[in-house]
Every structure is written in C-alpha cells, then in structure tokens.
Amino acid sequence: MMQTHPWSGFANAHVFVAGGTSGINLGIARAFARCGAKVAVLGRNPEKAANAAAELGPQALGLAADVRDPQALGAALEKAVEAFGPIDVLISGAAGNFLAAATDMSCNAFKTVVDIDLLGTFNVVRLGHQHLRGAGSSVLTISAPQASIPTPLQSHACAAKAGMEMLTRTLAVEWGRQGIRVNALVPGPIGDTEGMRRLAPDDESTKRTASLVPLGRYGTLEEVANAALFLSSPLASYISGTVLNVDGGYSQGGAMFRMGA
C-alpha cells in the first residue's frame, strides 16, 4: 500500500504526468499520490501504464499514448479530465536517449529524440493547457543537464533539452497573465533510473559520473520528487520561468572539477 506523505497539500488535486510510468517521472507521481493527489500517468506501453496506476493506488489512472501523436495524446488528456476533473499540475517528462556520435547518427535518429523530448513536450503542454484549472495551476517540464552542458555523444539530447528549457521560459511569459506558472526541473545523475543505466552502464562509468558531482554521489528519486512537489506547491507561488537544477552541484562543478583537480 502506498505510504502517506507527511504533507497532504495536494489532497484531491489532479496531477497529470506524461512519461510517468517509470523512472524519475514515476517517482514524482508516487510523491504526489502520497500527498493525496489524483494522479494520471501516461506512457506508450499500456501494460506499464496499468501497472504504474495499480502501484499508485485507487486515485490513479494509467493511460497509453505516444506524446508525438497529438490525437492520441488529446484523447488521453480528455479521459484524465473526465475521471479527475481539471488539471492542477501538468508534468511533461517523456524522453528518449542513447549514446551516439553525431557523425554516426542518422538524421532520423536525431529527429526521433527531438520529436520525443521537444515536440512531445510542446504537445503535452499545448494540449494540456486547455484542461488546466486556470489561475494557480502549475506546469512542470523535466529537462536534463545536457540542456546547458555540451556533452559528447549527446548532440540530439543537448539540442532537444535546450529547446525544452527555452520553451518553458517562453510559456512562463505567455501564460503568466493567466496565473499559470511554468517551470523546468533538471535532475542530475539519479540512481535507479533507466537513463543512468544507459549512460553509465558499468561500475567504472558509474563511479566516474558520481565523481563529477560535487556532493560525491548520485541523487535519489525521492530528492527529485521533493523538488517537483515544491515547484508545484503554493510555497513556490511566485516562481515561474525558473530552471531548477536538482543535481548535487553537477552543473556547477566547473572545468577544473571535471578534470579531477
């Protein structure tokens, strides 16, 4: 049974999490569920969506759609609103990634990541906007350090995430007059995630990545989720257009630190 969070500030709020069937996004969905929210999680795989919803409890709904497909995504959003009412917190976290040098990557492979991360984010927030409760609603996009740190073998993710963050900041300006806050969350190296298993697949690469974090360790799913709760809560009522790093200082380490100095 899902353990109750000590703070129930999201009781009965509707939280929609695109990409919420695994990893960081499922961790965020868990945190909102523990806070009493009604949580709709969206993923491409119907079985994973159903399993995630079953884990989150009776006030959860699993939905299957590809964020690159506006028609299917729109239908999923309507099902969520039919079940739980207008959306209070809209989170876009669907992502794709792999390691490849730019010269070894096909144009279609590059396009695939941009389509999932950047176009998918636009689809989620654009189509989700019409279902927001209105003033006081929160929109949160899940970015990555590649948005601001040029990273070898990650040209596709760097380009897509940088676009996501500028989209986030622009929408904060456009939607601010409606009382809607739009922010981005940037998890650093987070343990127990598929992304880190792909980017650091063995003990040596894991230790090397952890050594680049000033705090000297990977973050946890709970630490990222706590930041999502904060940015979506009334405690952050005057924060919009912010890109918040949750990375143990990874993005601030500097060239000397990265070289092992």
C-alpha atoms as a PDB file:
ATOM      1  CA  MET A   1       0.000   0.000   0.000  1.00  0.00           C
ATOM      2  CA  MET A   2       1.221   3.498  -0.859  1.00  0.00           C
ATOM      3  CA  GLN A   3       2.679   5.210   2.210  1.00  0.00           C
ATOM      4  CA  THR A   4       1.119   8.561   3.111  1.00  0.00           C
ATOM      5  CA  HIS A   5       3.323  11.622   2.762  1.00  0.00           C
ATOM      6  CA  PRO A   6       3.558  13.762   5.912  1.00  0.00           C
ATOM      7  CA  TRP A   7       2.294  16.765   3.979  1.00  0.00           C
ATOM      8  CA  SER A   8      -1.095  16.365   2.285  1.00  0.00           C
ATOM      9  CA  GLY A   9      -1.103  19.709   0.492  1.00  0.00           C
ATOM     10  CA  PHE A  10      -2.192  18.139  -2.795  1.00  0.00           C
ATOM     11  CA  ALA A  11      -5.245  16.325  -1.432  1.00  0.00           C
ATOM     12  CA  ASN A  12      -7.726  15.797  -4.299  1.00  0.00           C
ATOM     13  CA  ALA A  13      -5.624  17.806  -6.765  1.00  0.00           C
ATOM     14  CA  HIS A  14      -5.424  16.387 -10.288  1.00  0.00           C
ATOM     15  CA  VAL A  15      -1.824  15.741 -11.352  1.00  0.00           C
ATOM     16  CA  PHE A  16      -1.118  14.567 -14.918  1.00  0.00           C
ATOM     17  CA  VAL A  17       2.343  13.076 -15.540  1.00  0.00           C
ATOM     18  CA  ALA A  18       3.376  12.376 -19.130  1.00  0.00           C
ATOM     19  CA  GLY A  19       6.129   9.771 -19.119  1.00  0.00           C
ATOM     20  CA  GLY A  20       5.003   8.856 -15.616  1.00  0.00           C
ATOM     21  CA  THR A  21       5.151   5.071 -15.893  1.00  0.00           C
ATOM     22  CA  SER A  22       8.819   4.618 -14.946  1.00  0.00           C
ATOM     23  CA  GLY A  23      11.967   6.190 -13.536  1.00  0.00           C
ATOM     24  CA  ILE A  24      12.117   9.780 -12.364  1.00  0.00           C
ATOM     25  CA  ASN A  25       8.602  10.589 -13.532  1.00  0.00           C
ATOM     26  CA  LEU A  26       7.064   7.613 -11.737  1.00  0.00           C
ATOM     27  CA  GLY A  27       8.957   8.712  -8.629  1.00  0.00           C
ATOM     28  CA  ILE A  28       7.343  12.135  -8.974  1.00  0.00           C
ATOM     29  CA  ALA A  29       3.924  10.533  -9.468  1.00  0.00           C
ATOM     30  CA  ARG A  30       4.442   8.472  -6.305  1.00  0.00           C
ATOM     31  CA  ALA A  31       5.200  11.604  -4.285  1.00  0.00           C
ATOM     32  CA  PHE A  32       2.030  13.356  -5.446  1.00  0.00           C
ATOM     33  CA  ALA A  33      -0.030  10.233  -4.730  1.00  0.00           C
ATOM     34  CA  ARG A  34       1.382  10.120  -1.195  1.00  0.00           C
ATOM     35  CA  CYS A  35       0.266  13.734  -0.832  1.00  0.00           C
ATOM     36  CA  GLY A  36      -3.320  12.761  -1.612  1.00  0.00           C
ATOM     37  CA  ALA A  37      -3.437  13.762  -5.280  1.00  0.00           C
ATOM     38  CA  LYS A  38      -5.419  12.081  -8.009  1.00  0.00           C
ATOM     39  CA  VAL A  39      -2.678  11.072 -10.445  1.00  0.00           C
ATOM     40  CA  ALA A  40      -2.966  10.238 -14.135  1.00  0.00           C
ATOM     41  CA  VAL A  41       0.200   8.699 -15.606  1.00  0.00           C
ATOM     42  CA  LEU A  42       0.780   8.461 -19.335  1.00  0.00           C
ATOM     43  CA  GLY A  43       3.173   6.159 -21.186  1.00  0.00           C
ATOM     44  CA  ARG A  44       3.458   4.432 -24.519  1.00  0.00           C
ATOM     45  CA  ASN A  45       3.097   0.908 -23.103  1.00  0.00           C
ATOM     46  CA  PRO A  46      -0.446   0.067 -21.897  1.00  0.00           C
ATOM     47  CA  GLU A  47       0.784  -2.652 -19.527  1.00  0.00           C
ATOM     48  CA  LYS A  48       3.337  -0.371 -17.865  1.00  0.00           C
ATOM     49  CA  ALA A  49       0.696   2.346 -17.543  1.00  0.00           C
ATOM     50  CA  ALA A  50      -1.708  -0.070 -15.873  1.00  0.00           C
ATOM     51  CA  ASN A  51       0.989  -1.375 -13.520  1.00  0.00           C
ATOM     52  CA  ALA A  52       2.043   2.140 -12.531  1.00  0.00           C
ATOM     53  CA  ALA A  53      -1.548   3.128 -11.774  1.00  0.00           C
ATOM     54  CA  ALA A  54      -2.054  -0.036  -9.704  1.00  0.00           C
ATOM     55  CA  GLU A  55       1.030   0.839  -7.654  1.00  0.00           C
ATOM     56  CA  LEU A  56      -0.127   4.422  -7.109  1.00  0.00           C
ATOM     57  CA  GLY A  57      -3.448   3.362  -5.657  1.00  0.00           C
ATOM     58  CA  PRO A  58      -7.193   3.824  -6.159  1.00  0.00           C
ATOM     59  CA  GLN A  59      -6.903   7.518  -7.065  1.00  0.00           C
ATOM     60  CA  ALA A  60      -4.658   6.796 -10.056  1.00  0.00           C
ATOM     61  CA  LEU A  61      -5.296   6.278 -13.748  1.00  0.00           C
ATOM     62  CA  GLY A  62      -2.962   4.676 -16.293  1.00  0.00           C
ATOM     63  CA  LEU A  63      -3.169   5.942 -19.867  1.00  0.00           C
ATOM     64  CA  ALA A  64      -1.363   4.832 -23.015  1.00  0.00           C
ATOM     65  CA  ALA A  65      -0.402   7.256 -25.804  1.00  0.00           C
ATOM     66  CA  ASP A  66       2.684   8.484 -27.619  1.00  0.00           C
ATOM     67  CA  VAL A  67       3.428  12.149 -26.905  1.00  0.00           C
ATOM     68  CA  ARG A  68       4.385  12.511 -30.586  1.00  0.00           C
ATOM     69  CA  ASP A  69       0.789  11.724 -31.570  1.00  0.00           C
ATOM     70  CA  PRO A  70      -1.403  14.768 -30.790  1.00  0.00           C
ATOM     71  CA  GLN A  71      -4.662  12.946 -31.484  1.00  0.00           C
ATOM     72  CA  ALA A  72      -3.901  10.043 -29.130  1.00  0.00           C
ATOM     73  CA  LEU A  73      -2.451  12.390 -26.522  1.00  0.00           C
ATOM     74  CA  GLY A  74      -5.502  14.639 -26.680  1.00  0.00           C
ATOM     75  CA  ALA A  75      -7.809  11.674 -26.179  1.00  0.00           C
ATOM     76  CA  ALA A  76      -5.781  10.553 -23.142  1.00  0.00           C
ATOM     77  CA  LEU A  77      -5.956  14.016 -21.598  1.00  0.00           C
ATOM     78  CA  GLU A  78      -9.725  14.054 -22.048  1.00  0.00           C
ATOM     79  CA  LYS A  79     -10.005  10.668 -20.284  1.00  0.00           C
ATOM     80  CA  ALA A  80      -7.972  12.003 -17.369  1.00  0.00           C
ATOM     81  CA  VAL A  81     -10.139  15.113 -17.077  1.00  0.00           C
ATOM     82  CA  GLU A  82     -13.297  13.038 -17.310  1.00  0.00           C
ATOM     83  CA  ALA A  83     -12.054  10.923 -14.399  1.00  0.00           C
ATOM     84  CA  PHE A  84     -10.468  13.563 -12.162  1.00  0.00           C
ATOM     85  CA  GLY A  85     -11.641  16.987 -13.343  1.00  0.00           C
ATOM     86  CA  PRO A  86      -9.477  19.938 -14.480  1.00  0.00           C
ATOM     87  CA  ILE A  87      -5.713  19.532 -14.169  1.00  0.00           C
ATOM     88  CA  ASP A  88      -3.970  21.319 -11.304  1.00  0.00           C
ATOM     89  CA  VAL A  89      -0.426  20.144 -12.044  1.00  0.00           C
ATOM     90  CA  LEU A  90       0.691  19.214 -15.561  1.00  0.00           C
ATOM     91  CA  ILE A  91       4.071  17.482 -15.846  1.00  0.00           C
ATOM     92  CA  SER A  92       5.821  16.660 -19.116  1.00  0.00           C
ATOM     93  CA  GLY A  93       8.634  14.155 -18.682  1.00  0.00           C
ATOM     94  CA  ALA A  94       8.607  11.759 -21.636  1.00  0.00           C
ATOM     95  CA  ALA A  95      12.114  11.381 -23.048  1.00  0.00           C
ATOM     96  CA  GLY A  96      14.293   9.289 -25.334  1.00  0.00           C
ATOM     97  CA  ASN A  97      18.063   8.957 -25.383  1.00  0.00           C
ATOM     98  CA  PHE A  98      21.032   6.838 -26.450  1.00  0.00           C
ATOM     99  CA  LEU A  99      24.776   7.308 -26.867  1.00  0.00           C
ATOM    100  CA  ALA A 100      25.977   8.136 -30.381  1.00  0.00           C
ATOM    101  CA  ALA A 101      28.493  10.423 -32.031  1.00  0.00           C
ATOM    102  CA  ALA A 102      26.908  12.972 -34.356  1.00  0.00           C
ATOM    103  CA  THR A 103      28.782  11.542 -37.347  1.00  0.00           C
ATOM    104  CA  ASP A 104      27.482   8.051 -36.570  1.00  0.00           C
ATOM    105  CA  MET A 105      23.887   9.134 -36.047  1.00  0.00           C
ATOM    106  CA  SER A 106      21.284   9.066 -38.786  1.00  0.00           C
ATOM    107  CA  CYS A 107      19.115  12.101 -39.381  1.00  0.00           C
ATOM    108  CA  ASN A 108      16.114  10.036 -38.351  1.00  0.00           C
ATOM    109  CA  ALA A 109      17.750   9.003 -35.063  1.00  0.00           C
ATOM    110  CA  PHE A 110      18.439  12.657 -34.221  1.00  0.00           C
ATOM    111  CA  LYS A 111      14.882  13.566 -35.189  1.00  0.00           C
ATOM    112  CA  THR A 112      13.430  10.808 -33.007  1.00  0.00           C
ATOM    113  CA  VAL A 113      14.923  12.226 -29.811  1.00  0.00           C
ATOM    114  CA  VAL A 114      13.969  15.792 -30.734  1.00  0.00           C
ATOM    115  CA  ASP A 115      10.441  14.635 -31.541  1.00  0.00           C
ATOM    116  CA  ILE A 116      10.005  12.833 -28.205  1.00  0.00           C
ATOM    117  CA  ASP A 117      11.694  15.386 -25.964  1.00  0.00           C
ATOM    118  CA  LEU A 118      10.973  18.758 -27.558  1.00  0.00           C
ATOM    119  CA  LEU A 119       7.946  18.238 -29.803  1.00  0.00           C
ATOM    120  CA  GLY A 120       6.466  15.827 -27.261  1.00  0.00           C
ATOM    121  CA  THR A 121       6.812  18.418 -24.516  1.00  0.00           C
ATOM    122  CA  PHE A 122       5.142  21.033 -26.684  1.00  0.00           C
ATOM    123  CA  ASN A 123       2.290  18.628 -27.432  1.00  0.00           C
ATOM    124  CA  VAL A 124       1.762  17.831 -23.742  1.00  0.00           C
ATOM    125  CA  VAL A 125       1.752  21.417 -22.512  1.00  0.00           C
ATOM    126  CA  ARG A 126      -0.077  22.851 -25.521  1.00  0.00           C
ATOM    127  CA  LEU A 127      -2.887  20.265 -25.462  1.00  0.00           C
ATOM    128  CA  GLY A 128      -2.880  20.132 -21.669  1.00  0.00           C
ATOM    129  CA  HIS A 129      -3.245  23.904 -21.356  1.00  0.00           C
ATOM    130  CA  GLN A 130      -6.932  23.836 -22.291  1.00  0.00           C
ATOM    131  CA  HIS A 131      -7.571  21.352 -19.458  1.00  0.00           C
ATOM    132  CA  LEU A 132      -5.796  23.301 -16.698  1.00  0.00           C
ATOM    133  CA  ARG A 133      -7.913  24.557 -13.833  1.00  0.00           C
ATOM    134  CA  GLY A 134      -6.679  28.090 -14.528  1.00  0.00           C
ATOM    135  CA  ALA A 135      -5.046  30.558 -12.155  1.00  0.00           C
ATOM    136  CA  GLY A 136      -2.913  28.695  -9.657  1.00  0.00           C
ATOM    137  CA  SER A 137      -2.195  25.790 -11.982  1.00  0.00           C
ATOM    138  CA  SER A 138       1.386  24.599 -12.343  1.00  0.00           C
ATOM    139  CA  VAL A 139       3.159  23.284 -15.438  1.00  0.00           C
ATOM    140  CA  LEU A 140       6.451  21.457 -14.970  1.00  0.00           C
ATOM    141  CA  THR A 141       8.789  20.177 -17.674  1.00  0.00           C
ATOM    142  CA  ILE A 142      11.526  17.643 -16.915  1.00  0.00           C
ATOM    143  CA  SER A 143      14.777  18.606 -18.600  1.00  0.00           C
ATOM    144  CA  ALA A 144      18.364  17.302 -18.238  1.00  0.00           C
ATOM    145  CA  PRO A 145      21.897  18.679 -17.717  1.00  0.00           C
ATOM    146  CA  GLN A 146      22.552  18.306 -21.455  1.00  0.00           C
ATOM    147  CA  ALA A 147      20.455  21.419 -21.995  1.00  0.00           C
ATOM    148  CA  SER A 148      23.316  23.596 -20.734  1.00  0.00           C
ATOM    149  CA  ILE A 149      26.356  21.285 -20.672  1.00  0.00           C
ATOM    150  CA  PRO A 150      27.748  20.329 -24.110  1.00  0.00           C
ATOM    151  CA  THR A 151      28.035  16.552 -23.826  1.00  0.00           C
ATOM    152  CA  PRO A 152      29.840  14.257 -26.285  1.00  0.00           C
ATOM    153  CA  LEU A 153      27.670  11.529 -27.821  1.00  0.00           C
ATOM    154  CA  GLN A 154      24.589  13.526 -26.809  1.00  0.00           C
ATOM    155  CA  SER A 155      24.091  16.119 -29.559  1.00  0.00           C
ATOM    156  CA  HIS A 156      20.472  15.053 -30.036  1.00  0.00           C
ATOM    157  CA  ALA A 157      19.604  15.279 -26.331  1.00  0.00           C
ATOM    158  CA  CYS A 158      21.550  18.533 -25.900  1.00  0.00           C
ATOM    159  CA  ALA A 159      19.611  20.193 -28.709  1.00  0.00           C
ATOM    160  CA  ALA A 160      16.229  18.838 -27.596  1.00  0.00           C
ATOM    161  CA  LYS A 161      16.614  19.696 -23.910  1.00  0.00           C
ATOM    162  CA  ALA A 162      17.941  23.188 -24.649  1.00  0.00           C
ATOM    163  CA  GLY A 163      14.827  23.772 -26.736  1.00  0.00           C
ATOM    164  CA  MET A 164      12.633  22.456 -23.941  1.00  0.00           C
ATOM    165  CA  GLU A 165      14.065  24.903 -21.434  1.00  0.00           C
ATOM    166  CA  MET A 166      13.579  27.893 -23.727  1.00  0.00           C
ATOM    167  CA  LEU A 167      10.036  26.700 -24.455  1.00  0.00           C
ATOM    168  CA  THR A 168       9.414  26.527 -20.704  1.00  0.00           C
ATOM    169  CA  ARG A 169      10.659  30.049 -20.120  1.00  0.00           C
ATOM    170  CA  THR A 170       8.657  31.410 -23.051  1.00  0.00           C
ATOM    171  CA  LEU A 171       5.424  29.811 -21.860  1.00  0.00           C
ATOM    172  CA  ALA A 172       6.011  31.243 -18.390  1.00  0.00           C
ATOM    173  CA  VAL A 173       5.833  34.669 -20.045  1.00  0.00           C
ATOM    174  CA  GLU A 174       2.854  33.855 -22.285  1.00  0.00           C
ATOM    175  CA  TRP A 175       0.756  32.133 -19.617  1.00  0.00           C
ATOM    176  CA  GLY A 176       1.740  34.210 -16.608  1.00  0.00           C
ATOM    177  CA  ARG A 177      -1.136  36.640 -17.117  1.00  0.00           C
ATOM    178  CA  GLN A 178      -3.479  33.671 -16.703  1.00  0.00           C
ATOM    179  CA  GLY A 179      -1.972  32.906 -13.318  1.00  0.00           C
ATOM    180  CA  ILE A 180      -0.331  29.741 -14.638  1.00  0.00           C
ATOM    181  CA  ARG A 181       3.231  29.058 -13.526  1.00  0.00           C
ATOM    182  CA  VAL A 182       5.626  27.185 -15.844  1.00  0.00           C
ATOM    183  CA  ASN A 183       8.962  25.844 -14.597  1.00  0.00           C
ATOM    184  CA  ALA A 184      11.573  23.259 -15.542  1.00  0.00           C
ATOM    185  CA  LEU A 185      13.201  20.680 -13.300  1.00  0.00           C
ATOM    186  CA  VAL A 186      16.670  19.389 -14.204  1.00  0.00           C
ATOM    187  CA  PRO A 187      17.642  16.147 -12.468  1.00  0.00           C
ATOM    188  CA  GLY A 188      21.358  15.373 -12.488  1.00  0.00           C
ATOM    189  CA  PRO A 189      22.717  11.830 -12.191  1.00  0.00           C
ATOM    190  CA  ILE A 190      19.920   9.968 -10.387  1.00  0.00           C
ATOM    191  CA  GLY A 191      20.313   6.401  -9.200  1.00  0.00           C
ATOM    192  CA  ASP A 192      17.983   3.533 -10.064  1.00  0.00           C
ATOM    193  CA  THR A 193      16.893   5.002 -13.402  1.00  0.00           C
ATOM    194  CA  GLU A 194      16.941   3.605 -16.917  1.00  0.00           C
ATOM    195  CA  GLY A 195      18.636   6.770 -18.165  1.00  0.00           C
ATOM    196  CA  MET A 196      21.680   6.334 -15.934  1.00  0.00           C
ATOM    197  CA  ARG A 197      21.839   2.615 -16.677  1.00  0.00           C
ATOM    198  CA  ARG A 198      22.185   3.541 -20.339  1.00  0.00           C
ATOM    199  CA  LEU A 199      24.585   6.453 -19.907  1.00  0.00           C
ATOM    200  CA  ALA A 200      26.698   4.794 -17.192  1.00  0.00           C
ATOM    201  CA  PRO A 201      26.190   1.059 -17.763  1.00  0.00           C
ATOM    202  CA  ASP A 202      29.066  -0.357 -15.667  1.00  0.00           C
ATOM    203  CA  ASP A 203      30.747   0.180 -12.312  1.00  0.00           C
ATOM    204  CA  GLU A 204      33.624   2.193 -13.755  1.00  0.00           C
ATOM    205  CA  SER A 205      31.392   4.668 -15.612  1.00  0.00           C
ATOM    206  CA  THR A 206      29.093   4.907 -12.586  1.00  0.00           C
ATOM    207  CA  LYS A 207      31.986   5.828 -10.279  1.00  0.00           C
ATOM    208  CA  ARG A 208      33.336   8.287 -12.846  1.00  0.00           C
ATOM    209  CA  THR A 209      29.965  10.020 -13.171  1.00  0.00           C
ATOM    210  CA  ALA A 210      29.495  10.192  -9.407  1.00  0.00           C
ATOM    211  CA  SER A 211      32.966  11.728  -9.082  1.00  0.00           C
ATOM    212  CA  LEU A 212      31.820  14.663 -11.232  1.00  0.00           C
ATOM    213  CA  VAL A 213      29.118  15.557  -8.687  1.00  0.00           C
ATOM    214  CA  PRO A 214      30.384  17.989  -6.022  1.00  0.00           C
ATOM    215  CA  LEU A 215      28.271  16.191  -3.414  1.00  0.00           C
ATOM    216  CA  GLY A 216      30.031  12.990  -4.478  1.00  0.00           C
ATOM    217  CA  ARG A 217      27.022  10.776  -5.125  1.00  0.00           C
ATOM    218  CA  TYR A 218      24.034  10.070  -7.302  1.00  0.00           C
ATOM    219  CA  GLY A 219      20.752  11.664  -6.319  1.00  0.00           C
ATOM    220  CA  THR A 220      17.647   9.722  -5.387  1.00  0.00           C
ATOM    221  CA  LEU A 221      14.206   9.575  -6.925  1.00  0.00           C
ATOM    222  CA  GLU A 222      12.767  10.998  -3.714  1.00  0.00           C
ATOM    223  CA  GLU A 223      15.050  14.057  -3.874  1.00  0.00           C
ATOM    224  CA  VAL A 224      13.841  14.879  -7.385  1.00  0.00           C
ATOM    225  CA  ALA A 225      10.230  14.263  -6.393  1.00  0.00           C
ATOM    226  CA  ASN A 226      10.543  16.625  -3.423  1.00  0.00           C
ATOM    227  CA  ALA A 227      11.704  19.386  -5.774  1.00  0.00           C
ATOM    228  CA  ALA A 228       8.710  18.712  -8.039  1.00  0.00           C
ATOM    229  CA  LEU A 229       6.374  18.964  -5.058  1.00  0.00           C
ATOM    230  CA  PHE A 230       7.904  22.284  -4.062  1.00  0.00           C
ATOM    231  CA  LEU A 231       7.755  23.859  -7.529  1.00  0.00           C
ATOM    232  CA  SER A 232       4.133  22.776  -7.934  1.00  0.00           C
ATOM    233  CA  SER A 233       3.015  23.927  -4.499  1.00  0.00           C
ATOM    234  CA  PRO A 234       1.797  27.265  -3.127  1.00  0.00           C
ATOM    235  CA  LEU A 235       5.213  27.559  -1.464  1.00  0.00           C
ATOM    236  CA  ALA A 236       6.516  28.393  -4.953  1.00  0.00           C
ATOM    237  CA  SER A 237       3.632  30.709  -5.852  1.00  0.00           C
ATOM    238  CA  TYR A 238       5.959  33.474  -7.116  1.00  0.00           C
ATOM    239  CA  ILE A 239       8.328  31.190  -9.013  1.00  0.00           C
ATOM    240  CA  SER A 240       7.785  30.927 -12.758  1.00  0.00           C
ATOM    241  CA  GLY A 241      10.145  30.610 -15.702  1.00  0.00           C
ATOM    242  CA  THR A 242      12.750  29.002 -13.436  1.00  0.00           C
ATOM    243  CA  VAL A 243      15.038  26.145 -14.421  1.00  0.00           C
ATOM    244  CA  LEU A 244      15.830  24.327 -11.164  1.00  0.00           C
ATOM    245  CA  ASN A 245      18.835  22.003 -11.067  1.00  0.00           C
ATOM    246  CA  VAL A 246      18.483  19.039  -8.722  1.00  0.00           C
ATOM    247  CA  ASP A 247      21.932  17.625  -9.323  1.00  0.00           C
ATOM    248  CA  GLY A 248      24.170  17.880  -6.274  1.00  0.00           C
ATOM    249  CA  GLY A 249      26.061  20.722  -7.955  1.00  0.00           C
ATOM    250  CA  TYR A 250      26.856  18.662 -11.088  1.00  0.00           C
ATOM    251  CA  SER A 251      26.047  21.554 -13.420  1.00  0.00           C
ATOM    252  CA  GLN A 252      28.147  23.986 -11.351  1.00  0.00           C
ATOM    253  CA  GLY A 253      31.301  21.940 -10.919  1.00  0.00           C
ATOM    254  CA  GLY A 254      33.428  23.846 -13.410  1.00  0.00           C
ATOM    255  CA  ALA A 255      36.089  22.683 -15.831  1.00  0.00           C
ATOM    256  CA  MET A 256      38.771  22.191 -13.157  1.00  0.00           C
ATOM    257  CA  PHE A 257      36.498  19.962 -11.082  1.00  0.00           C
ATOM    258  CA  ARG A 258      35.528  17.937 -14.125  1.00  0.00           C
ATOM    259  CA  MET A 259      39.187  17.381 -14.937  1.00  0.00           C
ATOM    260  CA  GLY A 260      39.684  15.916 -11.481  1.00  0.00           C
ATOM    261  CA  ALA A 261      41.507  18.907  -9.984  1.00  0.00           C
END
